[in-house]
Amino acid sequence: MIEAVWDNAFKRSYRKRIHRVPHLKNQFREKMELFLEEPFDPHLRTHAPPRGSQKNNHPLAALRENALSVIR
């Protein structure tokens, strides 16, 4: 488990932006709890998806690849 340490700049930004808005405060708390338990959880989007993963998931990806191979 990770331990979070807040510096003064973060505390000031938190009070300014998040503390005053109840739904942001709840969302921040939920995401922080998740991050502290599992920093690499996909819901946090802390890492970019693997290269090419978006291209291969597209319904027309196979057609596009076949068309490129015919053109070459």
PDB file of N, CA and C in Angstrom:
ATOM      1  N   MET A   1       0.847  -1.182   0.000  1.00  0.00           N
ATOM      2  CA  MET A   1       0.000   0.000   0.000  1.00  0.00           C
ATOM      3  C   MET A   1       0.894   1.247   0.000  1.00  0.00           C
ATOM      4  N   ILE A   2       0.449   2.260  -0.689  1.00  0.00           N
ATOM      5  CA  ILE A   2       1.198   3.512  -0.811  1.00  0.00           C
ATOM      6  C   ILE A   2       0.706   4.496   0.247  1.00  0.00           C
ATOM      7  N   GLU A   3       1.609   5.331   0.702  1.00  0.00           N
ATOM      8  CA  GLU A   3       1.244   6.389   1.639  1.00  0.00           C
ATOM      9  C   GLU A   3       1.332   7.719   0.905  1.00  0.00           C
ATOM     10  N   ALA A   4       0.294   8.531   1.000  1.00  0.00           N
ATOM     11  CA  ALA A   4       0.273   9.829   0.325  1.00  0.00           C
ATOM     12  C   ALA A   4       0.763  10.913   1.280  1.00  0.00           C
ATOM     13  N   VAL A   5       1.579  11.802   0.755  1.00  0.00           N
ATOM     14  CA  VAL A   5       2.083  12.941   1.514  1.00  0.00           C
ATOM     15  C   VAL A   5       1.707  14.195   0.743  1.00  0.00           C
ATOM     16  N   TRP A   6       1.032  15.116   1.397  1.00  0.00           N
ATOM     17  CA  TRP A   6       0.572  16.341   0.736  1.00  0.00           C
ATOM     18  C   TRP A   6       1.488  17.499   1.091  1.00  0.00           C
ATOM     19  N   ASP A   7       2.004  18.181   0.081  1.00  0.00           N
ATOM     20  CA  ASP A   7       2.803  19.369   0.361  1.00  0.00           C
ATOM     21  C   ASP A   7       1.878  20.590   0.409  1.00  0.00           C
ATOM     22  N   ASN A   8       2.419  21.722   0.770  1.00  0.00           N
ATOM     23  CA  ASN A   8       1.607  22.934   0.947  1.00  0.00           C
ATOM     24  C   ASN A   8       0.975  23.406  -0.361  1.00  0.00           C
ATOM     25  N   ALA A   9       1.686  23.263  -1.465  1.00  0.00           N
ATOM     26  CA  ALA A   9       1.135  23.688  -2.758  1.00  0.00           C
ATOM     27  C   ALA A   9      -0.088  22.842  -3.114  1.00  0.00           C
ATOM     28  N   PHE A  10      -0.018  21.532  -2.852  1.00  0.00           N
ATOM     29  CA  PHE A  10      -1.172  20.680  -3.130  1.00  0.00           C
ATOM     30  C   PHE A  10      -2.348  21.058  -2.232  1.00  0.00           C
ATOM     31  N   LYS A  11      -2.092  21.262  -0.970  1.00  0.00           N
ATOM     32  CA  LYS A  11      -3.166  21.618  -0.031  1.00  0.00           C
ATOM     33  C   LYS A  11      -3.859  22.904  -0.470  1.00  0.00           C
ATOM     34  N   ARG A  12      -3.072  23.865  -0.895  1.00  0.00           N
ATOM     35  CA  ARG A  12      -3.631  25.141  -1.351  1.00  0.00           C
ATOM     36  C   ARG A  12      -4.487  24.929  -2.605  1.00  0.00           C
ATOM     37  N   SER A  13      -4.008  24.151  -3.564  1.00  0.00           N
ATOM     38  CA  SER A  13      -4.771  23.870  -4.786  1.00  0.00           C
ATOM     39  C   SER A  13      -6.039  23.092  -4.474  1.00  0.00           C
ATOM     40  N   TYR A  14      -5.943  22.147  -3.556  1.00  0.00           N
ATOM     41  CA  TYR A  14      -7.116  21.354  -3.172  1.00  0.00           C
ATOM     42  C   TYR A  14      -8.199  22.246  -2.579  1.00  0.00           C
ATOM     43  N   ARG A  15      -7.805  23.104  -1.643  1.00  0.00           N
ATOM     44  CA  ARG A  15      -8.789  24.014  -1.028  1.00  0.00           C
ATOM     45  C   ARG A  15      -9.415  24.937  -2.068  1.00  0.00           C
ATOM     46  N   LYS A  16      -8.628  25.366  -3.017  1.00  0.00           N
ATOM     47  CA  LYS A  16      -9.089  26.307  -4.021  1.00  0.00           C
ATOM     48  C   LYS A  16     -10.039  25.669  -5.034  1.00  0.00           C
ATOM     49  N   ARG A  17      -9.762  24.437  -5.459  1.00  0.00           N
ATOM     50  CA  ARG A  17     -10.512  23.833  -6.564  1.00  0.00           C
ATOM     51  C   ARG A  17     -11.485  22.737  -6.154  1.00  0.00           C
ATOM     52  N   ILE A  18     -11.078  21.856  -5.264  1.00  0.00           N
ATOM     53  CA  ILE A  18     -11.865  20.660  -4.997  1.00  0.00           C
ATOM     54  C   ILE A  18     -12.710  20.777  -3.734  1.00  0.00           C
ATOM     55  N   HIS A  19     -12.167  21.331  -2.700  1.00  0.00           N
ATOM     56  CA  HIS A  19     -12.829  21.351  -1.399  1.00  0.00           C
ATOM     57  C   HIS A  19     -14.205  22.017  -1.438  1.00  0.00           C
ATOM     58  N   ARG A  20     -14.367  22.989  -2.282  1.00  0.00           N
ATOM     59  CA  ARG A  20     -15.628  23.753  -2.333  1.00  0.00           C
ATOM     60  C   ARG A  20     -16.729  23.082  -3.144  1.00  0.00           C
ATOM     61  N   VAL A  21     -16.406  22.063  -3.917  1.00  0.00           N
ATOM     62  CA  VAL A  21     -17.384  21.405  -4.786  1.00  0.00           C
ATOM     63  C   VAL A  21     -17.614  19.979  -4.269  1.00  0.00           C
ATOM     64  N   PRO A  22     -18.794  19.707  -3.689  1.00  0.00           N
ATOM     65  CA  PRO A  22     -19.025  18.414  -3.034  1.00  0.00           C
ATOM     66  C   PRO A  22     -18.826  17.188  -3.937  1.00  0.00           C
ATOM     67  N   HIS A  23     -19.303  17.226  -5.190  1.00  0.00           N
ATOM     68  CA  HIS A  23     -19.151  16.037  -6.026  1.00  0.00           C
ATOM     69  C   HIS A  23     -17.686  15.801  -6.407  1.00  0.00           C
ATOM     70  N   LEU A  24     -16.898  16.864  -6.562  1.00  0.00           N
ATOM     71  CA  LEU A  24     -15.473  16.696  -6.838  1.00  0.00           C
ATOM     72  C   LEU A  24     -14.739  16.153  -5.614  1.00  0.00           C
ATOM     73  N   LYS A  25     -15.180  16.598  -4.455  1.00  0.00           N
ATOM     74  CA  LYS A  25     -14.571  16.134  -3.216  1.00  0.00           C
ATOM     75  C   LYS A  25     -14.766  14.625  -3.062  1.00  0.00           C
ATOM     76  N   ASN A  26     -15.985  14.149  -3.320  1.00  0.00           N
ATOM     77  CA  ASN A  26     -16.272  12.719  -3.235  1.00  0.00           C
ATOM     78  C   ASN A  26     -15.511  11.934  -4.310  1.00  0.00           C
ATOM     79  N   GLN A  27     -15.488  12.459  -5.528  1.00  0.00           N
ATOM     80  CA  GLN A  27     -14.788  11.785  -6.628  1.00  0.00           C
ATOM     81  C   GLN A  27     -13.294  11.700  -6.327  1.00  0.00           C
ATOM     82  N   PHE A  28     -12.726  12.772  -5.817  1.00  0.00           N
ATOM     83  CA  PHE A  28     -11.299  12.777  -5.475  1.00  0.00           C
ATOM     84  C   PHE A  28     -11.004  11.730  -4.406  1.00  0.00           C
ATOM     85  N   ARG A  29     -11.845  11.670  -3.376  1.00  0.00           N
ATOM     86  CA  ARG A  29     -11.636  10.719  -2.290  1.00  0.00           C
ATOM     87  C   ARG A  29     -11.683   9.273  -2.808  1.00  0.00           C
ATOM     88  N   GLU A  30     -12.669   8.980  -3.666  1.00  0.00           N
ATOM     89  CA  GLU A  30     -12.792   7.629  -4.220  1.00  0.00           C
ATOM     90  C   GLU A  30     -11.569   7.256  -5.054  1.00  0.00           C
ATOM     91  N   LYS A  31     -11.123   8.176  -5.905  1.00  0.00           N
ATOM     92  CA  LYS A  31      -9.969   7.897  -6.762  1.00  0.00           C
ATOM     93  C   LYS A  31      -8.684   7.757  -5.931  1.00  0.00           C
ATOM     94  N   MET A  32      -8.538   8.563  -4.887  1.00  0.00           N
ATOM     95  CA  MET A  32      -7.360   8.468  -4.039  1.00  0.00           C
ATOM     96  C   MET A  32      -7.333   7.131  -3.306  1.00  0.00           C
ATOM     97  N   GLU A  33      -8.487   6.696  -2.798  1.00  0.00           N
ATOM     98  CA  GLU A  33      -8.549   5.399  -2.113  1.00  0.00           C
ATOM     99  C   GLU A  33      -8.160   4.278  -3.069  1.00  0.00           C
ATOM    100  N   LEU A  34      -8.664   4.344  -4.284  1.00  0.00           N
ATOM    101  CA  LEU A  34      -8.330   3.341  -5.286  1.00  0.00           C
ATOM    102  C   LEU A  34      -6.839   3.381  -5.616  1.00  0.00           C
ATOM    103  N   PHE A  35      -6.300   4.581  -5.785  1.00  0.00           N
ATOM    104  CA  PHE A  35      -4.879   4.737  -6.101  1.00  0.00           C
ATOM    105  C   PHE A  35      -3.994   4.196  -4.982  1.00  0.00           C
ATOM    106  N   LEU A  36      -4.367   4.467  -3.736  1.00  0.00           N
ATOM    107  CA  LEU A  36      -3.555   4.009  -2.622  1.00  0.00           C
ATOM    108  C   LEU A  36      -3.566   2.488  -2.503  1.00  0.00           C
ATOM    109  N   GLU A  37      -4.662   1.864  -2.881  1.00  0.00           N
ATOM    110  CA  GLU A  37      -4.747   0.406  -2.842  1.00  0.00           C
ATOM    111  C   GLU A  37      -4.058  -0.238  -4.046  1.00  0.00           C
ATOM    112  N   GLU A  38      -4.324   0.290  -5.248  1.00  0.00           N
ATOM    113  CA  GLU A  38      -3.782  -0.297  -6.482  1.00  0.00           C
ATOM    114  C   GLU A  38      -3.438   0.825  -7.461  1.00  0.00           C
ATOM    115  N   PRO A  39      -2.188   1.299  -7.454  1.00  0.00           N
ATOM    116  CA  PRO A  39      -1.801   2.446  -8.286  1.00  0.00           C
ATOM    117  C   PRO A  39      -1.931   2.212  -9.793  1.00  0.00           C
ATOM    118  N   PHE A  40      -1.937   0.960 -10.242  1.00  0.00           N
ATOM    119  CA  PHE A  40      -1.988   0.682 -11.671  1.00  0.00           C
ATOM    120  C   PHE A  40      -3.360   0.214 -12.133  1.00  0.00           C
ATOM    121  N   ASP A  41      -4.386   0.489 -11.348  1.00  0.00           N
ATOM    122  CA  ASP A  41      -5.742   0.103 -11.727  1.00  0.00           C
ATOM    123  C   ASP A  41      -6.120   0.801 -13.038  1.00  0.00           C
ATOM    124  N   PRO A  42      -6.682   0.067 -14.009  1.00  0.00           N
ATOM    125  CA  PRO A  42      -7.025   0.668 -15.306  1.00  0.00           C
ATOM    126  C   PRO A  42      -8.050   1.793 -15.205  1.00  0.00           C
ATOM    127  N   HIS A  43      -8.871   1.806 -14.160  1.00  0.00           N
ATOM    128  CA  HIS A  43      -9.863   2.868 -14.002  1.00  0.00           C
ATOM    129  C   HIS A  43      -9.216   4.226 -13.753  1.00  0.00           C
ATOM    130  N   LEU A  44      -7.997   4.207 -13.269  1.00  0.00           N
ATOM    131  CA  LEU A  44      -7.299   5.462 -12.985  1.00  0.00           C
ATOM    132  C   LEU A  44      -6.680   6.077 -14.230  1.00  0.00           C
ATOM    133  N   ARG A  45      -6.489   5.282 -15.268  1.00  0.00           N
ATOM    134  CA  ARG A  45      -5.882   5.731 -16.523  1.00  0.00           C
ATOM    135  C   ARG A  45      -4.537   6.413 -16.284  1.00  0.00           C
ATOM    136  N   THR A  46      -3.688   5.760 -15.459  1.00  0.00           N
ATOM    137  CA  THR A  46      -2.362   6.313 -15.173  1.00  0.00           C
ATOM    138  C   THR A  46      -1.341   5.947 -16.231  1.00  0.00           C
ATOM    139  N   HIS A  47      -1.676   5.005 -17.121  1.00  0.00           N
ATOM    140  CA  HIS A  47      -0.773   4.598 -18.185  1.00  0.00           C
ATOM    141  C   HIS A  47      -1.488   4.646 -19.519  1.00  0.00           C
ATOM    142  N   ALA A  48      -0.743   4.946 -20.550  1.00  0.00           N
ATOM    143  CA  ALA A  48      -1.318   4.966 -21.899  1.00  0.00           C
ATOM    144  C   ALA A  48      -1.627   3.533 -22.332  1.00  0.00           C
ATOM    145  N   PRO A  49      -2.668   3.329 -23.126  1.00  0.00           N
ATOM    146  CA  PRO A  49      -2.948   1.977 -23.625  1.00  0.00           C
ATOM    147  C   PRO A  49      -1.816   1.514 -24.534  1.00  0.00           C
ATOM    148  N   PRO A  50      -1.620   0.205 -24.670  1.00  0.00           N
ATOM    149  CA  PRO A  50      -0.555  -0.284 -25.535  1.00  0.00           C
ATOM    150  C   PRO A  50      -0.707   0.230 -26.960  1.00  0.00           C
ATOM    151  N   ARG A  51       0.405   0.423 -27.638  1.00  0.00           N
ATOM    152  CA  ARG A  51       0.357   0.933 -29.011  1.00  0.00           C
ATOM    153  C   ARG A  51      -0.444   0.006 -29.899  1.00  0.00           C
ATOM    154  N   GLY A  52      -1.289   0.589 -30.725  1.00  0.00           N
ATOM    155  CA  GLY A  52      -2.059  -0.189 -31.674  1.00  0.00           C
ATOM    156  C   GLY A  52      -3.332  -0.776 -31.104  1.00  0.00           C
ATOM    157  N   SER A  53      -3.574  -0.637 -29.791  1.00  0.00           N
ATOM    158  CA  SER A  53      -4.763  -1.260 -29.216  1.00  0.00           C
ATOM    159  C   SER A  53      -6.033  -0.595 -29.730  1.00  0.00           C
ATOM    160  N   GLN A  54      -6.019   0.705 -29.941  1.00  0.00           N
ATOM    161  CA  GLN A  54      -7.198   1.401 -30.450  1.00  0.00           C
ATOM    162  C   GLN A  54      -7.452   1.034 -31.907  1.00  0.00           C
ATOM    163  N   LYS A  55      -6.388   0.940 -32.678  1.00  0.00           N
ATOM    164  CA  LYS A  55      -6.530   0.647 -34.100  1.00  0.00           C
ATOM    165  C   LYS A  55      -7.149  -0.737 -34.309  1.00  0.00           C
ATOM    166  N   ASN A  56      -6.711  -1.712 -33.529  1.00  0.00           N
ATOM    167  CA  ASN A  56      -7.187  -3.076 -33.713  1.00  0.00           C
ATOM    168  C   ASN A  56      -8.609  -3.280 -33.217  1.00  0.00           C
ATOM    169  N   ASN A  57      -9.092  -2.420 -32.348  1.00  0.00           N
ATOM    170  CA  ASN A  57     -10.446  -2.557 -31.822  1.00  0.00           C
ATOM    171  C   ASN A  57     -11.491  -1.934 -32.745  1.00  0.00           C
ATOM    172  N   HIS A  58     -11.063  -1.165 -33.705  1.00  0.00           N
ATOM    173  CA  HIS A  58     -12.002  -0.503 -34.600  1.00  0.00           C
ATOM    174  C   HIS A  58     -12.639  -1.539 -35.524  1.00  0.00           C
ATOM    175  N   PRO A  59     -13.964  -1.476 -35.749  1.00  0.00           N
ATOM    176  CA  PRO A  59     -14.632  -2.494 -36.573  1.00  0.00           C
ATOM    177  C   PRO A  59     -14.124  -2.560 -38.007  1.00  0.00           C
ATOM    178  N   LEU A  60     -13.592  -1.479 -38.520  1.00  0.00           N
ATOM    179  CA  LEU A  60     -13.110  -1.473 -39.902  1.00  0.00           C
ATOM    180  C   LEU A  60     -11.596  -1.671 -40.001  1.00  0.00           C
ATOM    181  N   ALA A  61     -10.952  -2.016 -38.892  1.00  0.00           N
ATOM    182  CA  ALA A  61      -9.495  -2.143 -38.897  1.00  0.00           C
ATOM    183  C   ALA A  61      -9.030  -3.218 -39.876  1.00  0.00           C
ATOM    184  N   ALA A  62      -9.703  -4.352 -39.910  1.00  0.00           N
ATOM    185  CA  ALA A  62      -9.296  -5.439 -40.816  1.00  0.00           C
ATOM    186  C   ALA A  62      -9.442  -5.000 -42.265  1.00  0.00           C
ATOM    187  N   LEU A  63     -10.520  -4.300 -42.587  1.00  0.00           N
ATOM    188  CA  LEU A  63     -10.718  -3.825 -43.958  1.00  0.00           C
ATOM    189  C   LEU A  63      -9.630  -2.831 -44.344  1.00  0.00           C
ATOM    190  N   ARG A  64      -9.305  -1.955 -43.442  1.00  0.00           N
ATOM    191  CA  ARG A  64      -8.286  -0.952 -43.707  1.00  0.00           C
ATOM    192  C   ARG A  64      -6.933  -1.610 -43.953  1.00  0.00           C
ATOM    193  N   GLU A  65      -6.569  -2.600 -43.128  1.00  0.00           N
ATOM    194  CA  GLU A  65      -5.293  -3.285 -43.299  1.00  0.00           C
ATOM    195  C   GLU A  65      -5.255  -4.051 -44.616  1.00  0.00           C
ATOM    196  N   ASN A  66      -6.376  -4.696 -44.994  1.00  0.00           N
ATOM    197  CA  ASN A  66      -6.426  -5.421 -46.261  1.00  0.00           C
ATOM    198  C   ASN A  66      -6.302  -4.446 -47.426  1.00  0.00           C
ATOM    199  N   ALA A  67      -6.942  -3.308 -47.329  1.00  0.00           N
ATOM    200  CA  ALA A  67      -6.876  -2.330 -48.420  1.00  0.00           C
ATOM    201  C   ALA A  67      -5.454  -1.810 -48.576  1.00  0.00           C
ATOM    202  N   LEU A  68      -4.756  -1.605 -47.475  1.00  0.00           N
ATOM    203  CA  LEU A  68      -3.377  -1.120 -47.556  1.00  0.00           C
ATOM    204  C   LEU A  68      -2.473  -2.171 -48.193  1.00  0.00           C
ATOM    205  N   SER A  69      -2.710  -3.448 -47.875  1.00  0.00           N
ATOM    206  CA  SER A  69      -1.859  -4.479 -48.455  1.00  0.00           C
ATOM    207  C   SER A  69      -2.119  -4.640 -49.956  1.00  0.00           C
ATOM    208  N   VAL A  70      -3.350  -4.384 -50.419  1.00  0.00           N
ATOM    209  CA  VAL A  70      -3.662  -4.464 -51.848  1.00  0.00           C
ATOM    210  C   VAL A  70      -3.002  -3.302 -52.589  1.00  0.00           C
ATOM    211  N   ILE A  71      -2.996  -2.135 -51.984  1.00  0.00           N
ATOM    212  CA  ILE A  71      -2.413  -0.941 -52.604  1.00  0.00           C
ATOM    213  C   ILE A  71      -0.908  -1.089 -52.754  1.00  0.00           C
ATOM    214  N   ARG A  72      -0.254  -1.710 -51.823  1.00  0.00           N
ATOM    215  CA  ARG A  72       1.209  -1.849 -51.879  1.00  0.00           C
ATOM    216  C   ARG A  72       1.564  -2.798 -52.932  1.00  0.00           C
TER     217      ARG A  72
END
